[in-house]
Protein backbone atom coordinates (compact mmCIF):
# COMPACT_ATOMS: atom_id res chain seq x y z
CA MET A 1 27.33 -6.35 -3.40
CA LYS A 2 25.05 -3.41 -4.23
CA PRO A 3 25.31 -0.59 -1.67
CA VAL A 4 21.52 -0.07 -1.54
CA LYS A 5 18.37 -2.01 -2.35
CA LYS A 6 16.18 -0.75 -5.21
CA ILE A 7 12.38 -0.65 -5.34
CA ALA A 8 10.07 0.27 -8.22
CA LEU A 9 6.95 2.12 -7.02
CA LEU A 10 3.95 1.94 -9.34
CA HIS A 11 1.64 4.40 -7.63
CA ASP A 12 -0.16 7.72 -8.09
CA MET A 13 1.45 11.14 -7.65
CA CYS A 14 -0.40 13.99 -5.89
CA GLY A 15 0.82 17.57 -6.06
CA VAL A 16 -0.85 18.82 -2.85
CA GLY A 17 -1.90 16.74 0.15
CA LYS A 18 0.69 14.18 1.16
CA ALA A 19 -0.26 10.75 -0.16
CA ALA A 20 0.92 7.90 -2.38
CA LEU A 21 4.38 8.50 -3.92
CA THR A 22 4.78 11.76 -1.99
CA ASN A 23 4.77 9.79 1.26
CA MET A 24 6.42 6.55 0.26
CA LEU A 25 9.47 8.09 -1.42
CA PRO A 26 10.90 9.93 1.64
CA VAL A 27 9.99 7.13 4.06
CA LEU A 28 11.94 4.62 1.96
CA THR A 29 14.81 6.93 1.04
CA VAL A 30 15.60 7.92 4.62
CA GLN A 31 15.93 4.21 5.44
CA GLY A 32 18.53 3.65 2.73
CA ILE A 33 16.34 2.37 -0.11
CA GLU A 34 16.73 3.60 -3.70
CA VAL A 35 13.25 4.52 -4.97
CA CYS A 36 12.30 4.37 -8.66
CA PRO A 37 8.86 6.06 -9.01
CA ILE A 38 6.66 5.00 -11.93
CA PRO A 39 3.53 7.20 -11.73
CA THR A 40 0.24 5.54 -12.64
CA ILE A 41 -1.84 8.73 -12.52
CA LEU A 42 -1.05 12.41 -11.81
CA LEU A 43 -3.37 14.51 -9.63
CA SER A 44 -3.23 18.14 -8.53
CA THR A 45 -4.33 16.93 -5.06
CA HIS A 46 -5.47 13.70 -3.50
CA THR A 47 -9.20 13.04 -3.74
CA GLY A 48 -10.23 13.82 -0.16
CA GLY A 49 -11.17 17.33 0.93
CA TYR A 50 -9.88 19.41 -2.00
CA GLY A 51 -12.80 19.12 -4.38
CA LYS A 52 -12.35 17.63 -7.84
CA PRO A 53 -8.61 17.52 -8.68
CA ALA A 54 -6.97 18.04 -12.04
CA VAL A 55 -6.13 14.56 -13.34
CA TYR A 56 -3.76 13.24 -15.98
CA LYS A 57 -4.12 9.52 -16.61
CA VAL A 58 -0.96 7.66 -17.49
CA SER A 59 -1.47 5.23 -20.36
CA GLY A 60 -0.85 1.52 -20.14
CA ASP A 61 1.59 1.95 -23.05
CA TYR A 62 3.80 4.08 -20.81
CA ILE A 63 3.97 1.36 -18.16
CA ARG A 64 4.77 -1.26 -20.81
CA SER A 65 7.41 0.99 -22.38
CA CYS A 66 9.05 1.46 -18.97
CA ALA A 67 9.33 -2.32 -18.61
CA ASP A 68 10.80 -2.66 -22.12
CA HIS A 69 13.31 0.13 -21.52
CA TYR A 70 14.44 -1.30 -18.19
CA GLN A 71 14.88 -4.74 -19.71
CA GLU A 72 16.87 -3.27 -22.59
CA GLN A 73 19.14 -1.46 -20.14
CA LYS A 74 19.38 -4.50 -17.83
CA VAL A 75 17.81 -2.60 -14.93
CA THR A 76 16.72 -4.86 -12.07
CA PHE A 77 14.79 -4.29 -8.87
CA ASP A 78 14.90 -5.92 -5.44
CA MET A 79 11.18 -5.28 -5.03
CA ILE A 80 8.22 -3.96 -7.04
CA PHE A 81 5.41 -2.21 -5.16
CA VAL A 82 2.02 -1.88 -6.87
CA GLY A 83 -0.39 0.67 -5.41
CA TYR A 84 -3.14 2.84 -6.89
CA LEU A 85 -3.80 2.08 -10.56
CA GLY A 86 -7.22 3.54 -11.29
CA SER A 87 -8.34 1.59 -14.36
CA PRO A 88 -8.55 -2.00 -15.63
CA GLU A 89 -6.34 -0.98 -18.56
CA LEU A 90 -3.51 -0.17 -16.19
CA VAL A 91 -4.00 -3.49 -14.41
CA ASP A 92 -3.25 -5.23 -17.71
CA ALA A 93 -0.16 -3.05 -18.18
CA VAL A 94 1.06 -3.84 -14.67
CA GLN A 95 0.78 -7.56 -15.41
CA TYR A 96 3.05 -6.93 -18.40
CA PHE A 97 5.49 -5.04 -16.17
CA LEU A 98 5.59 -7.78 -13.52
CA LYS A 99 6.13 -10.50 -16.12
CA ALA A 100 9.19 -8.58 -17.30
CA PHE A 101 10.87 -9.09 -13.90
CA PRO A 102 10.28 -12.73 -12.91
CA GLY A 103 11.62 -13.67 -9.50
CA THR A 104 11.40 -10.11 -8.15
CA THR A 105 9.53 -9.71 -4.84
CA VAL A 106 6.15 -8.07 -5.47
CA VAL A 107 4.07 -6.21 -2.86
CA LEU A 108 0.51 -5.20 -3.74
CA ASP A 109 -1.78 -2.73 -1.98
CA PRO A 110 -5.10 -3.15 -3.86
CA ILE A 111 -6.30 0.39 -3.20
CA MET A 112 -9.97 0.60 -4.21
CA GLY A 113 -12.27 1.06 -1.20
CA ASP A 114 -12.87 1.56 2.51
CA HIS A 115 -15.68 1.59 5.08
CA GLY A 116 -17.44 -1.28 3.31
CA ASN A 117 -17.64 0.23 -0.19
CA TYR A 118 -15.70 0.93 -3.35
CA TYR A 119 -14.30 4.41 -3.76
CA CYS A 120 -16.69 6.48 -5.90
CA ASN A 121 -14.64 6.04 -9.10
CA PHE A 122 -14.55 2.21 -8.89
CA ASP A 123 -17.02 -0.65 -9.21
CA SER A 124 -16.94 -4.43 -9.24
CA SER A 125 -15.29 -4.52 -12.68
CA TYR A 126 -12.22 -2.89 -11.18
CA GLY A 127 -12.17 -5.34 -8.28
CA THR A 128 -12.28 -8.21 -10.76
CA ALA A 129 -9.36 -6.70 -12.70
CA VAL A 130 -7.20 -6.20 -9.60
CA ARG A 131 -7.96 -9.76 -8.50
CA ALA A 132 -5.85 -10.94 -11.43
CA LEU A 133 -2.75 -9.44 -9.78
CA LEU A 134 -2.98 -11.61 -6.65
CA PRO A 135 -0.97 -14.55 -8.07
CA TYR A 136 1.92 -12.19 -8.89
CA ALA A 137 2.20 -10.78 -5.36
CA ASP A 138 4.38 -12.21 -2.61
CA LEU A 139 2.60 -9.96 -0.11
CA ILE A 140 -0.71 -8.09 -0.26
CA LEU A 141 -1.81 -5.24 2.05
CA PRO A 142 -5.58 -4.79 1.71
CA ASN A 143 -7.74 -3.15 4.32
CA LEU A 144 -10.72 -5.20 5.53
CA THR A 145 -13.07 -3.66 2.96
CA GLU A 146 -10.68 -4.46 0.10
CA CYS A 147 -10.52 -8.08 1.21
CA TYR A 148 -14.25 -8.44 0.63
CA LEU A 149 -14.09 -6.51 -2.64
CA LEU A 150 -11.36 -8.83 -3.91
CA LEU A 151 -13.46 -11.82 -2.91
CA GLY A 152 -16.65 -10.36 -4.40
CA GLU A 153 -18.44 -10.85 -1.11
CA GLU A 154 -20.67 -8.63 1.03
CA PHE A 155 -18.74 -6.62 3.60
CA VAL A 156 -18.92 -7.78 7.22
CA LEU A 157 -17.26 -5.73 9.96
CA THR A 158 -15.53 -8.42 12.01
CA ASP A 159 -12.71 -8.81 14.48
CA GLU A 160 -13.17 -12.55 15.06
CA LYS A 161 -10.02 -14.54 14.41
CA GLU A 162 -11.97 -17.36 12.79
CA SER A 163 -13.52 -14.95 10.29
CA ILE A 164 -10.14 -13.40 9.49
CA GLU A 165 -8.71 -16.88 8.94
CA GLU A 166 -11.56 -17.64 6.51
CA ILE A 167 -10.88 -14.42 4.61
CA CYS A 168 -7.17 -15.24 4.34
CA CYS A 169 -7.95 -18.78 3.20
CA SER A 170 -10.25 -17.45 0.47
CA LEU A 171 -7.65 -14.91 -0.69
CA ARG A 172 -5.05 -17.65 -0.91
CA LYS A 173 -7.37 -19.65 -3.15
CA LEU A 174 -7.24 -16.66 -5.51
CA GLY A 175 -3.43 -16.76 -5.54
CA ALA A 176 -2.46 -14.57 -2.56
CA LYS A 177 0.52 -15.66 -0.45
CA ASP A 178 1.46 -13.63 2.65
CA ILE A 179 -1.21 -11.18 3.75
CA ILE A 180 -1.44 -8.05 5.92
CA ILE A 181 -5.00 -6.83 6.60
CA THR A 182 -5.45 -3.34 8.05
CA SER A 183 -8.49 -1.52 9.51
CA ILE A 184 -9.75 -4.49 11.50
CA PRO A 185 -11.97 -3.23 14.35
CA ALA A 186 -10.52 -3.47 17.84
CA GLY A 187 -11.99 -2.75 21.26
CA MET A 188 -12.71 0.80 22.45
CA GLY A 189 -12.89 2.10 18.88
CA GLY A 190 -9.31 1.15 18.04
CA LYS A 191 -8.02 -0.70 15.00
CA GLY A 192 -6.18 -3.95 14.47
CA ILE A 193 -3.85 -5.46 11.90
CA ALA A 194 -3.84 -9.12 10.88
CA VAL A 195 -0.61 -10.66 9.62
CA LEU A 196 -0.62 -14.02 7.87
CA GLN A 197 2.87 -15.33 7.09
CA LYS A 198 3.00 -18.91 5.85
CA GLU A 199 0.46 -20.59 8.16
CA GLN A 200 0.86 -18.30 11.18
CA LEU A 201 -1.88 -15.70 11.77
CA THR A 202 -1.14 -12.88 14.22
CA ILE A 203 -3.58 -10.09 15.08
CA LEU A 204 -2.15 -6.89 16.55
CA GLU A 205 -4.49 -4.47 18.32
CA ASN A 206 -4.23 -0.80 19.15
CA ARG A 207 -7.03 0.53 21.36
CA GLU A 208 -5.69 4.09 21.28
CA MET A 209 -8.15 6.57 19.75
CA LEU A 210 -6.27 8.50 17.07
CA ARG A 211 -7.30 11.00 14.41
CA GLU A 212 -7.46 9.95 10.78
CA PHE A 213 -5.26 11.68 8.20
CA HIS A 214 -5.00 11.15 4.47
CA GLY A 215 -1.89 9.26 3.38
CA THR A 216 -1.61 7.12 6.50
CA GLY A 217 -1.79 3.90 4.51
CA ASP A 218 0.99 5.03 2.20
CA VAL A 219 3.31 5.75 5.11
CA PHE A 220 2.46 2.31 6.48
CA ASP A 221 3.23 0.72 3.08
CA GLY A 222 6.53 2.58 2.89
CA MET A 223 7.55 1.39 6.33
CA VAL A 224 6.61 -2.24 5.64
CA THR A 225 8.48 -2.38 2.32
CA ALA A 226 11.52 -0.65 3.81
CA GLY A 227 11.59 -3.12 6.68
CA LEU A 228 11.42 -6.11 4.35
CA LEU A 229 14.15 -4.73 2.09
CA ASN A 230 16.32 -4.14 5.16
CA GLY A 231 16.05 -7.79 6.18
CA LYS A 232 13.30 -7.66 8.79
CA THR A 233 10.45 -10.16 9.03
CA ILE A 234 6.93 -9.25 7.97
CA LEU A 235 5.79 -9.09 11.59
CA GLN A 236 8.74 -6.90 12.62
CA SER A 237 8.09 -4.61 9.66
CA VAL A 238 4.40 -4.30 10.51
CA GLU A 239 5.11 -3.49 14.15
CA GLU A 240 7.64 -0.78 13.22
CA ALA A 241 5.27 0.60 10.56
CA HIS A 242 2.42 0.78 13.06
CA ASN A 243 4.57 2.50 15.68
CA PHE A 244 5.86 5.08 13.20
CA VAL A 245 2.40 5.85 11.82
CA CYS A 246 1.06 6.36 15.35
CA SER A 247 3.93 8.72 16.16
CA CYS A 248 3.15 10.72 12.99
CA ILE A 249 -0.54 10.95 13.93
CA ARG A 250 0.30 12.13 17.44
CA GLU A 251 2.69 14.76 16.05
CA SER A 252 0.12 15.92 13.48
CA SER A 253 -2.53 16.17 16.21
CA ARG A 254 -0.42 18.62 18.20
CA TYR A 255 -1.11 21.35 15.64
CA ASP A 256 -4.03 23.05 13.95
CA TYR A 257 -3.36 20.77 10.99
CA PRO A 258 -6.29 19.77 8.73
CA GLU A 259 -6.66 16.09 7.95
CA ARG A 260 -6.78 16.86 4.23
CA GLU A 261 -3.17 18.09 4.35
CA GLY A 262 -2.13 14.50 4.94
CA LEU A 263 -0.13 12.87 7.66
CA MET A 264 2.66 15.09 8.97
CA ILE A 265 5.87 13.15 8.38
CA GLU A 266 8.33 16.04 8.13
CA LYS A 267 8.96 16.26 11.88
CA THR A 268 9.18 12.49 12.41
CA LEU A 269 11.27 11.24 9.46
CA LYS A 270 14.51 11.97 11.33
CA SER A 271 13.68 9.18 13.78
CA LEU A 272 14.04 6.66 10.92
CA TYR A 273 17.53 7.72 9.86
CA LYS A 274 20.05 5.21 11.16
CA PHE A 275 22.98 5.47 8.72
């Protein structure tokens, strides 16, 4: 038996401002998971609050070559996480990568928009490209906006269970399996999370008003994937992820700590260490 589980993280790397790989790697590692980062794009900072970052785009050939090298060396993974890609070309390369590891659990966060719109560097052509990854994924983690972008439909801010069920049904027709939807509106300005596992839909609500920090979604993704790799159910993993993210936000809010710096995880990671 292997002493630790191994996950490949296909995600972006930011030098300043905690986000993406910078957040997921420590969150997973402290919970006993071996992390294999495969950067999809390199940035001097994340894209919120620091002006225009220096950017180095990783080529699709690099992603394909990684897959070939790992196959040659008989490297295997317990899970593959696909996050920020940034271009349709990389979507094609990721399909190549995933096909190289059939039977491996795949988790996809289709990072491309929020608040009803695409991020400024994306348009509908990118949404169409990412849609092709849905059949490969065992679990997807879109926010509510990204659900509509994947479906090619006009955004509707909704918290009605019937509407969420319709969204999940439509995503499954495109190949999605289990689904976690974040950023669902909840009462008193809070936010909810919908979890569809098999045919069971559960909506969790948090009515607590909390500040928003960059990198929150990446910490959430790290917690969910760590929970699944450590044998927890999707619902258990989501609940623990939500609780940890909230504790990080509360800790960050205690200080004069700008949102652009990213979610403060340094003072809260120790609570995850159980070995």
